[in-house]
């Protein structure tokens, strides 16, 4: 481009900021209200048979060339240099939150903890709706949750799959639902109990679907 690297970097940075400031309000990439969270969860239940889900969280390594004097900061476990794109999406794959730019050596869980969304999640300032009953036959109130993989910490508002080695047939039913998209010892008892409540829900008549017994045996 026949301009200095510093100038190019400033142009790219200013352009990205301008795009974000103009487009993010249009596409509602702001902290949703409790009512919007409920609307998102209704779509998850309709499309994926999973109640009280506000979003699915995951990270993606974007391959880059090794930075000059970058050392191993951007070298990931897949054996190439990358930056991490982490996103929260709704039931149809629309982005609700994005965080991009963390060095590839960081885990998904580490990127999550330092992202704006992750901080709001940890501080419980996401405006999630109050827990609700999803099974009329039981008095248990289920919290609104996000779905993630094993790279993330289990939390009362973050569900992730059971370790494969510890699955029973009953637990595997819930595993099928989580995976349509090993638990850390530090996870709270409350989080474990929430996950067990979801297991009970998915093996009950109201929470079951016609194909789950077959899928649980695969």
N, C-alpha and C. Protein backbone atom coordinates (compact mmCIF):
# COMPACT_ATOMS: atom_id res chain seq x y z
N UNK A 1 0.83 -1.21 0.00
CA UNK A 1 0.00 0.00 0.00
C UNK A 1 0.86 1.26 0.00
N UNK A 2 2.16 1.06 0.06
CA UNK A 2 3.11 2.17 0.05
C UNK A 2 2.89 3.17 1.20
N UNK A 3 2.50 2.63 2.33
CA UNK A 3 2.42 3.43 3.55
C UNK A 3 3.10 2.64 4.66
N UNK A 4 3.49 3.33 5.72
CA UNK A 4 4.17 2.67 6.81
C UNK A 4 3.27 1.72 7.58
N UNK A 5 3.90 0.75 8.23
CA UNK A 5 3.14 -0.24 9.01
C UNK A 5 2.33 0.43 10.11
N UNK A 6 2.92 1.44 10.77
CA UNK A 6 2.20 2.13 11.84
C UNK A 6 0.96 2.83 11.31
N UNK A 7 1.10 3.48 10.16
CA UNK A 7 -0.04 4.17 9.55
C UNK A 7 -1.14 3.19 9.16
N UNK A 8 -0.74 2.06 8.57
CA UNK A 8 -1.72 1.04 8.18
C UNK A 8 -2.45 0.50 9.41
N UNK A 9 -1.70 0.27 10.48
CA UNK A 9 -2.31 -0.24 11.71
C UNK A 9 -3.35 0.74 12.26
N UNK A 10 -3.02 2.03 12.25
CA UNK A 10 -3.95 3.04 12.76
C UNK A 10 -5.21 3.12 11.89
N UNK A 11 -5.03 3.02 10.56
CA UNK A 11 -6.17 3.06 9.66
C UNK A 11 -7.11 1.87 9.92
N UNK A 12 -6.53 0.69 10.04
CA UNK A 12 -7.33 -0.51 10.29
C UNK A 12 -8.07 -0.41 11.62
N UNK A 13 -7.36 0.06 12.63
CA UNK A 13 -7.96 0.18 13.96
C UNK A 13 -9.12 1.17 13.95
N UNK A 14 -8.91 2.34 13.36
CA UNK A 14 -9.96 3.36 13.31
C UNK A 14 -11.15 2.89 12.48
N UNK A 15 -10.88 2.16 11.39
CA UNK A 15 -11.96 1.66 10.55
C UNK A 15 -12.81 0.63 11.29
N UNK A 16 -12.15 -0.28 11.99
CA UNK A 16 -12.87 -1.31 12.74
C UNK A 16 -13.74 -0.69 13.84
N UNK A 17 -13.20 0.31 14.52
CA UNK A 17 -13.97 0.99 15.56
C UNK A 17 -15.20 1.67 14.97
N UNK A 18 -15.01 2.35 13.82
CA UNK A 18 -16.13 3.03 13.18
C UNK A 18 -17.21 2.04 12.74
N UNK A 19 -16.80 0.91 12.16
CA UNK A 19 -17.76 -0.12 11.74
C UNK A 19 -18.54 -0.63 12.94
N UNK A 20 -17.83 -0.89 14.03
CA UNK A 20 -18.49 -1.40 15.24
C UNK A 20 -19.49 -0.39 15.79
N UNK A 21 -19.08 0.87 15.90
CA UNK A 21 -19.95 1.89 16.50
C UNK A 21 -21.21 2.12 15.67
N UNK A 22 -21.10 1.98 14.35
CA UNK A 22 -22.26 2.21 13.48
C UNK A 22 -23.18 0.99 13.41
N UNK A 23 -22.59 -0.20 13.28
CA UNK A 23 -23.39 -1.39 13.01
C UNK A 23 -23.87 -2.14 14.25
N UNK A 24 -23.11 -2.08 15.36
CA UNK A 24 -23.52 -2.87 16.53
C UNK A 24 -24.89 -2.48 17.08
N UNK A 25 -25.26 -1.18 17.13
CA UNK A 25 -26.63 -0.86 17.58
C UNK A 25 -27.70 -1.37 16.61
N UNK A 26 -27.40 -1.35 15.31
CA UNK A 26 -28.37 -1.79 14.31
C UNK A 26 -28.66 -3.27 14.45
N UNK A 27 -27.62 -4.05 14.71
CA UNK A 27 -27.78 -5.49 14.80
C UNK A 27 -27.88 -5.97 16.25
N UNK A 28 -28.16 -5.04 17.16
CA UNK A 28 -28.51 -5.37 18.56
C UNK A 28 -27.42 -6.13 19.29
N UNK A 29 -26.15 -5.86 18.99
CA UNK A 29 -25.07 -6.51 19.71
C UNK A 29 -24.77 -5.71 20.98
N UNK A 30 -25.81 -5.55 21.78
CA UNK A 30 -25.72 -4.88 23.07
C UNK A 30 -26.30 -5.82 24.11
N UNK A 31 -26.12 -5.50 25.37
CA UNK A 31 -26.59 -6.37 26.44
C UNK A 31 -28.11 -6.50 26.38
N UNK A 32 -28.66 -7.69 26.11
CA UNK A 32 -30.11 -7.85 25.98
C UNK A 32 -30.85 -7.59 27.29
N UNK A 33 -32.11 -7.25 27.15
CA UNK A 33 -32.99 -7.11 28.31
C UNK A 33 -33.49 -8.50 28.71
N UNK A 34 -34.05 -8.66 29.93
CA UNK A 34 -34.60 -9.96 30.31
C UNK A 34 -35.63 -10.48 29.31
N UNK A 35 -36.42 -9.57 28.74
CA UNK A 35 -37.42 -10.00 27.77
C UNK A 35 -36.78 -10.56 26.51
N UNK A 36 -35.70 -9.93 26.06
CA UNK A 36 -35.01 -10.46 24.87
C UNK A 36 -34.37 -11.80 25.17
N UNK A 37 -33.79 -11.95 26.36
CA UNK A 37 -33.23 -13.25 26.74
C UNK A 37 -34.31 -14.33 26.69
N UNK A 38 -35.51 -13.99 27.19
CA UNK A 38 -36.60 -14.96 27.17
C UNK A 38 -36.98 -15.33 25.73
N UNK A 39 -37.01 -14.34 24.86
CA UNK A 39 -37.32 -14.62 23.45
C UNK A 39 -36.28 -15.55 22.83
N UNK A 40 -35.01 -15.31 23.16
CA UNK A 40 -33.94 -16.17 22.64
C UNK A 40 -34.10 -17.60 23.16
N UNK A 41 -34.42 -17.72 24.45
CA UNK A 41 -34.56 -19.05 25.04
C UNK A 41 -35.76 -19.80 24.47
N UNK A 42 -36.81 -19.08 24.14
CA UNK A 42 -37.98 -19.72 23.53
C UNK A 42 -37.62 -20.31 22.17
N UNK A 43 -36.78 -19.61 21.42
CA UNK A 43 -36.35 -20.12 20.11
C UNK A 43 -35.46 -21.37 20.29
N UNK A 44 -34.59 -21.36 21.31
CA UNK A 44 -33.77 -22.55 21.59
C UNK A 44 -34.66 -23.75 21.91
N UNK A 45 -35.69 -23.52 22.71
CA UNK A 45 -36.56 -24.63 23.08
C UNK A 45 -37.34 -25.13 21.87
N UNK A 46 -37.77 -24.22 21.02
CA UNK A 46 -38.54 -24.60 19.84
C UNK A 46 -37.69 -25.37 18.84
N UNK A 47 -36.47 -24.90 18.59
CA UNK A 47 -35.62 -25.51 17.57
C UNK A 47 -34.82 -26.70 18.08
N UNK A 48 -34.39 -26.64 19.36
CA UNK A 48 -33.44 -27.63 19.87
C UNK A 48 -33.92 -28.39 21.09
N UNK A 49 -35.16 -28.14 21.50
CA UNK A 49 -35.74 -28.87 22.63
C UNK A 49 -34.94 -28.70 23.92
N UNK A 50 -34.35 -27.53 24.10
CA UNK A 50 -33.58 -27.27 25.32
C UNK A 50 -34.10 -25.98 25.94
N UNK A 51 -34.79 -26.07 27.07
CA UNK A 51 -35.39 -24.88 27.68
C UNK A 51 -34.37 -24.01 28.41
N UNK A 52 -34.71 -22.73 28.56
CA UNK A 52 -33.94 -21.78 29.38
C UNK A 52 -32.53 -21.50 28.86
N UNK A 53 -32.27 -21.75 27.59
CA UNK A 53 -30.94 -21.48 27.02
C UNK A 53 -30.92 -20.09 26.40
N UNK A 54 -29.97 -19.27 26.83
CA UNK A 54 -29.85 -17.91 26.33
C UNK A 54 -28.79 -17.77 25.23
N UNK A 55 -27.98 -18.78 25.03
CA UNK A 55 -26.96 -18.69 23.99
C UNK A 55 -25.98 -19.84 24.07
N UNK A 56 -25.23 -20.00 23.01
CA UNK A 56 -24.17 -21.01 22.94
C UNK A 56 -22.83 -20.29 22.78
N UNK A 57 -21.83 -20.70 23.58
CA UNK A 57 -20.54 -20.02 23.63
C UNK A 57 -19.44 -20.93 23.08
N UNK A 58 -18.59 -20.37 22.23
CA UNK A 58 -17.46 -21.15 21.74
C UNK A 58 -16.41 -20.21 21.18
N UNK A 59 -15.20 -20.75 20.99
CA UNK A 59 -14.10 -19.98 20.44
C UNK A 59 -13.58 -20.59 19.16
N UNK A 60 -12.95 -19.78 18.32
CA UNK A 60 -12.39 -20.23 17.06
C UNK A 60 -11.02 -19.60 16.87
N UNK A 61 -10.02 -20.43 16.55
CA UNK A 61 -8.68 -19.92 16.28
C UNK A 61 -8.58 -19.44 14.83
N UNK A 62 -8.22 -18.17 14.65
CA UNK A 62 -8.04 -17.59 13.32
C UNK A 62 -6.55 -17.59 13.01
N UNK A 63 -6.14 -18.33 11.99
CA UNK A 63 -4.73 -18.48 11.67
C UNK A 63 -4.12 -17.15 11.22
N UNK A 64 -2.93 -16.82 11.73
CA UNK A 64 -2.19 -15.63 11.33
C UNK A 64 -0.73 -16.00 11.09
N UNK A 65 -0.01 -15.13 10.42
CA UNK A 65 1.42 -15.31 10.28
C UNK A 65 2.08 -14.95 11.61
N UNK A 66 3.19 -15.59 11.89
CA UNK A 66 3.90 -15.31 13.12
C UNK A 66 4.33 -13.85 13.16
N UNK A 67 4.03 -13.20 14.28
CA UNK A 67 4.37 -11.80 14.43
C UNK A 67 5.86 -11.62 14.65
N UNK A 68 6.39 -10.52 14.17
CA UNK A 68 7.80 -10.21 14.37
C UNK A 68 8.06 -10.05 15.86
N UNK A 69 9.00 -10.77 16.40
CA UNK A 69 9.30 -10.79 17.83
C UNK A 69 8.10 -11.26 18.66
N UNK A 70 7.18 -12.00 18.03
CA UNK A 70 5.99 -12.46 18.75
C UNK A 70 6.25 -13.65 19.66
N UNK A 71 7.36 -14.34 19.42
CA UNK A 71 7.66 -15.51 20.23
C UNK A 71 6.57 -16.55 20.14
N UNK A 72 6.23 -17.14 21.29
CA UNK A 72 5.21 -18.18 21.33
C UNK A 72 3.86 -17.67 21.81
N UNK A 73 3.72 -16.35 21.94
CA UNK A 73 2.50 -15.77 22.51
C UNK A 73 1.26 -16.16 21.72
N UNK A 74 1.40 -16.28 20.39
CA UNK A 74 0.24 -16.56 19.54
C UNK A 74 0.22 -18.01 19.05
N UNK A 75 1.13 -18.83 19.56
CA UNK A 75 1.23 -20.22 19.12
C UNK A 75 0.26 -21.08 19.94
N UNK A 76 -0.68 -21.72 19.25
CA UNK A 76 -1.73 -22.44 19.97
C UNK A 76 -1.47 -23.94 20.04
N UNK A 77 -2.38 -24.64 20.70
CA UNK A 77 -2.22 -26.08 20.90
C UNK A 77 -2.38 -26.87 19.60
N UNK A 78 -2.88 -26.21 18.56
CA UNK A 78 -3.01 -26.86 17.25
C UNK A 78 -1.75 -26.71 16.41
N UNK A 79 -0.74 -26.11 17.01
CA UNK A 79 0.58 -25.97 16.38
C UNK A 79 0.62 -24.96 15.24
N UNK A 80 -0.07 -23.86 15.39
CA UNK A 80 0.10 -22.73 14.47
C UNK A 80 -0.24 -21.43 15.21
N UNK A 81 0.12 -20.31 14.65
CA UNK A 81 -0.11 -19.01 15.27
C UNK A 81 -1.53 -18.54 14.96
N UNK A 82 -2.16 -17.96 15.96
CA UNK A 82 -3.55 -17.56 15.77
C UNK A 82 -3.96 -16.48 16.76
N UNK A 83 -5.08 -15.83 16.45
CA UNK A 83 -5.80 -15.04 17.42
C UNK A 83 -7.14 -15.74 17.65
N UNK A 84 -7.77 -15.46 18.77
CA UNK A 84 -8.99 -16.18 19.14
C UNK A 84 -10.22 -15.30 18.90
N UNK A 85 -11.17 -15.85 18.15
CA UNK A 85 -12.50 -15.26 18.02
C UNK A 85 -13.43 -16.03 18.93
N UNK A 86 -14.04 -15.36 19.87
CA UNK A 86 -15.00 -16.02 20.75
C UNK A 86 -16.35 -15.35 20.58
N UNK A 87 -17.39 -16.16 20.52
CA UNK A 87 -18.71 -15.60 20.25
C UNK A 87 -19.78 -16.30 21.06
N UNK A 88 -20.86 -15.57 21.29
CA UNK A 88 -22.09 -16.12 21.86
C UNK A 88 -23.15 -15.98 20.78
N UNK A 89 -23.81 -17.08 20.44
CA UNK A 89 -24.81 -17.05 19.37
C UNK A 89 -26.15 -17.53 19.88
N UNK A 90 -27.21 -17.14 19.16
CA UNK A 90 -28.55 -17.58 19.52
C UNK A 90 -28.87 -18.90 18.85
N UNK A 91 -30.12 -19.32 18.92
CA UNK A 91 -30.51 -20.64 18.41
C UNK A 91 -30.36 -20.77 16.91
N UNK A 92 -30.32 -19.65 16.20
CA UNK A 92 -30.19 -19.68 14.74
C UNK A 92 -28.79 -19.32 14.27
N UNK A 93 -27.84 -19.20 15.21
CA UNK A 93 -26.47 -18.90 14.86
C UNK A 93 -26.17 -17.43 14.69
N UNK A 94 -27.09 -16.56 15.09
CA UNK A 94 -26.85 -15.12 15.02
C UNK A 94 -25.97 -14.68 16.18
N UNK A 95 -25.00 -13.81 15.92
CA UNK A 95 -24.08 -13.37 16.96
C UNK A 95 -24.77 -12.44 17.95
N UNK A 96 -24.59 -12.73 19.23
CA UNK A 96 -25.07 -11.86 20.30
C UNK A 96 -23.92 -11.05 20.89
N UNK A 97 -22.77 -11.69 21.05
CA UNK A 97 -21.56 -11.04 21.56
C UNK A 97 -20.36 -11.62 20.80
N UNK A 98 -19.35 -10.79 20.58
CA UNK A 98 -18.10 -11.28 20.00
C UNK A 98 -16.92 -10.67 20.75
N UNK A 99 -15.84 -11.42 20.79
CA UNK A 99 -14.58 -10.93 21.35
C UNK A 99 -13.47 -11.49 20.48
N UNK A 100 -12.64 -10.64 19.91
CA UNK A 100 -11.61 -11.11 19.00
C UNK A 100 -10.30 -10.40 19.27
N UNK A 101 -9.19 -11.15 19.16
CA UNK A 101 -7.88 -10.54 19.30
C UNK A 101 -6.98 -11.15 20.34
N UNK A 102 -7.53 -12.00 21.23
CA UNK A 102 -6.67 -12.62 22.24
C UNK A 102 -5.65 -13.54 21.57
N UNK A 103 -4.47 -13.60 22.14
CA UNK A 103 -3.41 -14.45 21.60
C UNK A 103 -3.81 -15.91 21.62
N UNK A 104 -3.41 -16.65 20.59
CA UNK A 104 -3.83 -18.03 20.42
C UNK A 104 -3.41 -18.98 21.53
N UNK A 105 -2.40 -18.62 22.32
CA UNK A 105 -1.96 -19.53 23.37
C UNK A 105 -2.97 -19.63 24.51
N UNK A 106 -3.91 -18.68 24.57
CA UNK A 106 -4.90 -18.69 25.65
C UNK A 106 -6.02 -19.68 25.34
N UNK A 107 -6.52 -20.33 26.36
CA UNK A 107 -7.62 -21.29 26.21
C UNK A 107 -8.93 -20.54 26.03
N UNK A 108 -9.95 -21.26 25.56
CA UNK A 108 -11.28 -20.66 25.43
C UNK A 108 -11.78 -20.15 26.77
N UNK A 109 -11.55 -20.94 27.81
CA UNK A 109 -12.00 -20.53 29.13
C UNK A 109 -11.29 -19.28 29.62
N UNK A 110 -9.98 -19.18 29.32
CA UNK A 110 -9.23 -18.00 29.71
C UNK A 110 -9.67 -16.76 28.96
N UNK A 111 -9.93 -16.91 27.65
CA UNK A 111 -10.43 -15.79 26.85
C UNK A 111 -11.79 -15.35 27.36
N UNK A 112 -12.63 -16.31 27.69
CA UNK A 112 -13.97 -16.00 28.20
C UNK A 112 -13.89 -15.17 29.48
N UNK A 113 -13.01 -15.56 30.39
CA UNK A 113 -12.92 -14.88 31.69
C UNK A 113 -12.48 -13.43 31.57
N UNK A 114 -11.71 -13.10 30.53
CA UNK A 114 -11.21 -11.73 30.39
C UNK A 114 -12.02 -10.90 29.40
N UNK A 115 -12.97 -11.52 28.71
CA UNK A 115 -13.80 -10.77 27.75
C UNK A 115 -14.85 -9.95 28.49
N UNK A 116 -15.40 -8.95 27.82
CA UNK A 116 -16.44 -8.13 28.43
C UNK A 116 -17.66 -8.97 28.79
N UNK A 117 -18.04 -9.87 27.87
CA UNK A 117 -19.17 -10.75 28.16
C UNK A 117 -18.88 -11.64 29.36
N UNK A 118 -17.67 -12.22 29.38
CA UNK A 118 -17.30 -13.10 30.49
C UNK A 118 -17.31 -12.39 31.83
N UNK A 119 -16.81 -11.16 31.84
CA UNK A 119 -16.81 -10.38 33.09
C UNK A 119 -18.23 -10.10 33.55
N UNK A 120 -19.11 -9.74 32.61
CA UNK A 120 -20.50 -9.50 32.97
C UNK A 120 -21.17 -10.78 33.45
N UNK A 121 -20.80 -11.91 32.82
CA UNK A 121 -21.35 -13.20 33.24
C UNK A 121 -20.92 -13.52 34.67
N UNK A 122 -19.64 -13.36 34.95
CA UNK A 122 -19.11 -13.67 36.27
C UNK A 122 -19.70 -12.75 37.34
N UNK A 123 -19.86 -11.47 36.98
CA UNK A 123 -20.41 -10.48 37.91
C UNK A 123 -21.93 -10.50 37.96
N UNK A 124 -22.53 -11.35 37.16
CA UNK A 124 -23.99 -11.52 37.10
C UNK A 124 -24.70 -10.21 36.76
N UNK A 125 -24.20 -9.54 35.72
CA UNK A 125 -24.80 -8.28 35.28
C UNK A 125 -25.32 -8.39 33.85
N UNK A 126 -25.72 -9.58 33.42
CA UNK A 126 -26.20 -9.79 32.06
C UNK A 126 -27.71 -9.60 31.91
N UNK A 127 -28.38 -9.25 32.99
CA UNK A 127 -29.84 -9.06 32.95
C UNK A 127 -30.60 -10.33 32.59
N UNK A 128 -30.07 -11.48 33.02
CA UNK A 128 -30.78 -12.72 32.75
C UNK A 128 -32.11 -12.75 33.51
N UNK A 129 -33.13 -13.38 32.92
CA UNK A 129 -34.42 -13.50 33.63
C UNK A 129 -34.28 -14.33 34.89
N UNK A 130 -35.26 -14.20 35.76
CA UNK A 130 -35.29 -15.00 36.98
C UNK A 130 -35.57 -16.46 36.64
N UNK A 131 -35.06 -17.41 37.45
CA UNK A 131 -35.34 -18.83 37.21
C UNK A 131 -36.84 -19.10 37.11
N UNK A 132 -37.18 -20.14 36.37
CA UNK A 132 -38.60 -20.48 36.21
C UNK A 132 -38.79 -21.99 36.23
N UNK A 133 -40.02 -22.41 36.45
CA UNK A 133 -40.35 -23.83 36.39
C UNK A 133 -40.51 -24.22 34.93
N UNK A 134 -39.96 -25.37 34.58
CA UNK A 134 -40.13 -25.88 33.21
C UNK A 134 -40.88 -27.20 33.19
N UNK A 135 -41.08 -27.78 34.37
CA UNK A 135 -41.84 -29.01 34.50
C UNK A 135 -42.98 -28.75 35.49
N UNK A 136 -44.23 -28.70 35.01
CA UNK A 136 -45.36 -28.41 35.91
C UNK A 136 -45.50 -29.41 37.05
N UNK A 137 -44.93 -30.59 36.89
CA UNK A 137 -45.07 -31.62 37.92
C UNK A 137 -44.09 -31.44 39.07
N UNK A 138 -43.11 -30.51 38.91
CA UNK A 138 -42.09 -30.32 39.94
C UNK A 138 -42.00 -28.85 40.35
N UNK A 139 -41.55 -28.65 41.58
CA UNK A 139 -41.43 -27.29 42.12
C UNK A 139 -40.07 -26.66 41.82
N UNK A 140 -39.19 -27.39 41.15
CA UNK A 140 -37.84 -26.89 40.89
C UNK A 140 -37.87 -25.75 39.89
N UNK A 141 -37.17 -24.67 40.21
CA UNK A 141 -37.01 -23.56 39.29
C UNK A 141 -35.65 -23.65 38.63
N UNK A 142 -35.62 -23.60 37.32
CA UNK A 142 -34.38 -23.74 36.56
C UNK A 142 -33.84 -22.37 36.17
N UNK A 143 -32.55 -22.13 36.39
CA UNK A 143 -31.96 -20.86 35.96
C UNK A 143 -31.82 -20.79 34.45
N UNK A 144 -31.70 -19.60 33.91
CA UNK A 144 -31.38 -19.43 32.50
C UNK A 144 -29.88 -19.66 32.33
N UNK A 145 -29.51 -20.33 31.24
CA UNK A 145 -28.14 -20.83 31.10
C UNK A 145 -27.57 -20.55 29.71
N UNK A 146 -26.26 -20.75 29.60
CA UNK A 146 -25.56 -20.78 28.32
C UNK A 146 -24.95 -22.17 28.15
N UNK A 147 -24.79 -22.60 26.91
CA UNK A 147 -24.20 -23.90 26.62
C UNK A 147 -22.78 -23.72 26.12
N UNK A 148 -21.89 -24.59 26.58
CA UNK A 148 -20.47 -24.49 26.19
C UNK A 148 -19.88 -25.90 26.16
N UNK A 149 -18.61 -25.99 25.73
CA UNK A 149 -17.94 -27.29 25.72
C UNK A 149 -17.05 -27.42 26.95
N UNK A 150 -16.23 -28.45 26.95
CA UNK A 150 -15.44 -28.78 28.14
C UNK A 150 -14.35 -27.77 28.47
N UNK A 151 -14.09 -26.81 27.56
CA UNK A 151 -13.05 -25.80 27.83
C UNK A 151 -13.51 -24.77 28.84
N UNK A 152 -14.79 -24.74 29.13
CA UNK A 152 -15.35 -23.72 30.02
C UNK A 152 -15.68 -24.32 31.38
N UNK A 153 -15.78 -23.45 32.37
CA UNK A 153 -16.08 -23.89 33.73
C UNK A 153 -17.58 -24.10 33.92
N UNK A 154 -17.93 -25.19 34.58
CA UNK A 154 -19.32 -25.43 34.92
C UNK A 154 -19.78 -24.40 35.93
N UNK A 155 -20.98 -23.88 35.71
CA UNK A 155 -21.53 -22.83 36.56
C UNK A 155 -23.04 -22.99 36.55
N UNK A 156 -23.73 -22.45 37.54
CA UNK A 156 -25.18 -22.60 37.56
C UNK A 156 -25.83 -21.98 36.33
N UNK A 157 -25.14 -21.05 35.66
CA UNK A 157 -25.65 -20.44 34.43
C UNK A 157 -24.85 -20.85 33.19
N UNK A 158 -23.99 -21.87 33.34
CA UNK A 158 -23.19 -22.37 32.22
C UNK A 158 -23.15 -23.89 32.27
N UNK A 159 -23.82 -24.53 31.31
CA UNK A 159 -23.85 -25.98 31.27
C UNK A 159 -22.89 -26.48 30.20
N UNK A 160 -22.20 -27.58 30.52
CA UNK A 160 -21.31 -28.21 29.56
C UNK A 160 -21.43 -29.72 29.69
N UNK A 161 -20.98 -30.50 28.71
CA UNK A 161 -21.18 -31.94 28.73
C UNK A 161 -20.46 -32.63 29.89
N UNK A 162 -21.00 -33.78 30.28
CA UNK A 162 -20.31 -34.65 31.22
C UNK A 162 -19.08 -35.25 30.54
N UNK A 163 -18.10 -35.66 31.35
CA UNK A 163 -16.97 -36.40 30.82
C UNK A 163 -17.47 -37.72 30.26
N UNK A 164 -16.99 -38.09 29.07
CA UNK A 164 -17.47 -39.31 28.42
C UNK A 164 -17.26 -40.55 29.28
N UNK A 165 -16.17 -40.57 30.02
CA UNK A 165 -15.85 -41.76 30.80
C UNK A 165 -16.82 -41.97 31.96
N UNK A 166 -17.55 -40.92 32.34
CA UNK A 166 -18.45 -41.03 33.49
C UNK A 166 -19.91 -41.13 33.08
N UNK A 167 -20.21 -41.26 31.77
CA UNK A 167 -21.59 -41.26 31.32
C UNK A 167 -22.30 -42.56 31.64
N UNK A 168 -23.54 -42.42 32.09
CA UNK A 168 -24.45 -43.56 32.17
C UNK A 168 -25.49 -43.34 31.08
N UNK A 169 -26.35 -44.32 30.88
CA UNK A 169 -27.36 -44.16 29.82
C UNK A 169 -28.26 -42.97 30.10
N UNK A 170 -28.65 -42.78 31.36
CA UNK A 170 -29.55 -41.68 31.68
C UNK A 170 -28.87 -40.34 31.45
N UNK A 171 -27.62 -40.21 31.91
CA UNK A 171 -26.89 -38.96 31.73
C UNK A 171 -26.64 -38.71 30.25
N UNK A 172 -26.44 -39.77 29.47
CA UNK A 172 -26.15 -39.61 28.06
C UNK A 172 -27.31 -38.99 27.30
N UNK A 173 -28.52 -39.12 27.82
CA UNK A 173 -29.66 -38.46 27.21
C UNK A 173 -29.47 -36.96 27.25
N UNK A 174 -29.08 -36.43 28.40
CA UNK A 174 -28.83 -35.00 28.51
C UNK A 174 -27.64 -34.60 27.67
N UNK A 175 -26.65 -35.48 27.60
CA UNK A 175 -25.46 -35.21 26.79
C UNK A 175 -25.84 -35.00 25.33
N UNK A 176 -26.80 -35.77 24.83
CA UNK A 176 -27.24 -35.60 23.45
C UNK A 176 -27.80 -34.21 23.23
N UNK A 177 -28.56 -33.70 24.18
CA UNK A 177 -29.16 -32.39 24.03
C UNK A 177 -28.12 -31.29 24.13
N UNK A 178 -27.16 -31.40 25.04
CA UNK A 178 -26.12 -30.39 25.15
C UNK A 178 -25.29 -30.37 23.89
N UNK A 179 -25.01 -31.51 23.30
CA UNK A 179 -24.10 -31.61 22.18
C UNK A 179 -24.74 -31.24 20.85
N UNK A 180 -26.02 -31.00 20.82
CA UNK A 180 -26.63 -30.52 19.58
C UNK A 180 -26.15 -29.11 19.37
N UNK A 181 -25.60 -28.86 19.44
CA UNK A 181 -24.96 -27.68 18.92
C UNK A 181 -23.84 -28.13 18.16
N UNK A 182 -15.28 -33.26 31.33
CA UNK A 182 -14.86 -33.64 32.68
C UNK A 182 -15.04 -32.43 33.55
N UNK A 183 -15.64 -32.33 34.17
CA UNK A 183 -16.06 -31.19 34.95
C UNK A 183 -14.98 -30.79 35.94
N UNK A 184 -14.66 -29.50 36.08
CA UNK A 184 -13.61 -29.04 36.98
C UNK A 184 -14.06 -29.12 38.43
N UNK A 185 -13.13 -29.47 39.30
CA UNK A 185 -13.46 -29.65 40.70
C UNK A 185 -13.91 -28.35 41.35
N UNK A 186 -13.50 -27.21 40.78
CA UNK A 186 -13.85 -25.93 41.37
C UNK A 186 -15.30 -25.54 41.12
N UNK A 187 -16.00 -26.24 40.22
CA UNK A 187 -17.40 -25.91 39.97
C UNK A 187 -18.20 -26.10 41.25
N UNK A 188 -19.14 -25.21 41.49
CA UNK A 188 -19.88 -25.24 42.75
C UNK A 188 -20.87 -26.40 42.79
N UNK A 189 -21.25 -26.78 43.98
CA UNK A 189 -22.26 -27.82 44.14
C UNK A 189 -23.57 -27.39 43.47
N UNK A 190 -23.85 -26.10 43.56
CA UNK A 190 -25.07 -25.57 42.95
C UNK A 190 -25.07 -25.84 41.45
N UNK A 191 -23.92 -25.66 40.80
CA UNK A 191 -23.82 -25.90 39.36
C UNK A 191 -24.04 -27.38 39.04
N UNK A 192 -23.45 -28.26 39.85
CA UNK A 192 -23.66 -29.69 39.64
C UNK A 192 -25.15 -30.02 39.77
N UNK A 193 -25.81 -29.43 40.76
CA UNK A 193 -27.21 -29.74 40.99
C UNK A 193 -28.08 -29.25 39.85
N UNK A 194 -27.75 -28.07 39.32
CA UNK A 194 -28.51 -27.56 38.17
C UNK A 194 -28.41 -28.53 37.01
N UNK A 195 -27.20 -29.03 36.76
CA UNK A 195 -27.02 -29.97 35.65
C UNK A 195 -27.79 -31.27 35.91
N UNK A 196 -27.77 -31.75 37.14
CA UNK A 196 -28.52 -32.96 37.46
C UNK A 196 -30.02 -32.73 37.26
N UNK A 197 -30.50 -31.52 37.59
CA UNK A 197 -31.91 -31.21 37.39
C UNK A 197 -32.28 -31.26 35.91
N UNK A 198 -31.37 -30.79 35.05
CA UNK A 198 -31.62 -30.88 33.63
C UNK A 198 -31.63 -32.33 33.15
N UNK A 199 -30.76 -33.16 33.73
CA UNK A 199 -30.78 -34.59 33.40
C UNK A 199 -32.15 -35.17 33.71
N UNK A 200 -32.65 -34.88 34.92
CA UNK A 200 -33.96 -35.39 35.32
C UNK A 200 -35.06 -34.90 34.37
N UNK A 201 -34.92 -33.65 33.94
CA UNK A 201 -35.92 -33.09 33.03
C UNK A 201 -35.93 -33.83 31.69
N UNK A 202 -34.75 -34.09 31.13
CA UNK A 202 -34.68 -34.68 29.81
C UNK A 202 -35.09 -36.15 29.79
N UNK A 203 -35.06 -36.84 30.93
CA UNK A 203 -35.52 -38.23 30.96
C UNK A 203 -36.96 -38.34 31.45
N UNK A 204 -37.59 -37.19 31.71
CA UNK A 204 -39.00 -37.18 32.11
C UNK A 204 -39.88 -37.13 30.87
N UNK A 205 -41.17 -37.50 30.99
CA UNK A 205 -42.06 -37.47 29.82
C UNK A 205 -42.14 -36.09 29.17
N UNK A 206 -42.13 -35.03 29.94
CA UNK A 206 -42.29 -33.70 29.36
C UNK A 206 -41.04 -33.23 28.62
N UNK A 207 -39.87 -33.71 29.02
CA UNK A 207 -38.63 -33.23 28.41
C UNK A 207 -38.03 -34.15 27.37
N UNK A 208 -38.60 -35.33 27.19
CA UNK A 208 -38.01 -36.30 26.27
C UNK A 208 -38.46 -36.05 24.84
N UNK A 209 -37.68 -36.57 23.89
CA UNK A 209 -38.05 -36.54 22.48
C UNK A 209 -37.94 -37.94 21.91
N UNK A 210 -38.55 -38.16 20.75
CA UNK A 210 -38.70 -39.52 20.24
C UNK A 210 -37.38 -40.21 19.92
N UNK A 211 -36.35 -39.43 19.55
CA UNK A 211 -35.11 -40.05 19.08
C UNK A 211 -34.04 -40.19 20.14
N UNK A 212 -34.26 -39.66 21.37
CA UNK A 212 -33.14 -39.55 22.30
C UNK A 212 -32.66 -40.91 22.84
N UNK A 213 -33.55 -41.86 23.04
CA UNK A 213 -33.11 -43.16 23.55
C UNK A 213 -32.18 -43.84 22.55
N UNK A 214 -32.49 -43.72 21.26
CA UNK A 214 -31.62 -44.29 20.25
C UNK A 214 -30.26 -43.60 20.24
N UNK A 215 -30.26 -42.25 20.29
CA UNK A 215 -29.01 -41.50 20.25
C UNK A 215 -28.17 -41.77 21.49
N UNK A 216 -28.77 -41.95 22.63
CA UNK A 216 -28.03 -42.18 23.88
C UNK A 216 -27.27 -43.50 23.85
N UNK A 217 -27.71 -44.42 23.00
CA UNK A 217 -27.05 -45.74 22.94
C UNK A 217 -25.95 -45.79 21.89
N UNK A 218 -25.82 -44.75 21.07
CA UNK A 218 -24.80 -44.76 20.02
C UNK A 218 -23.41 -44.64 20.59
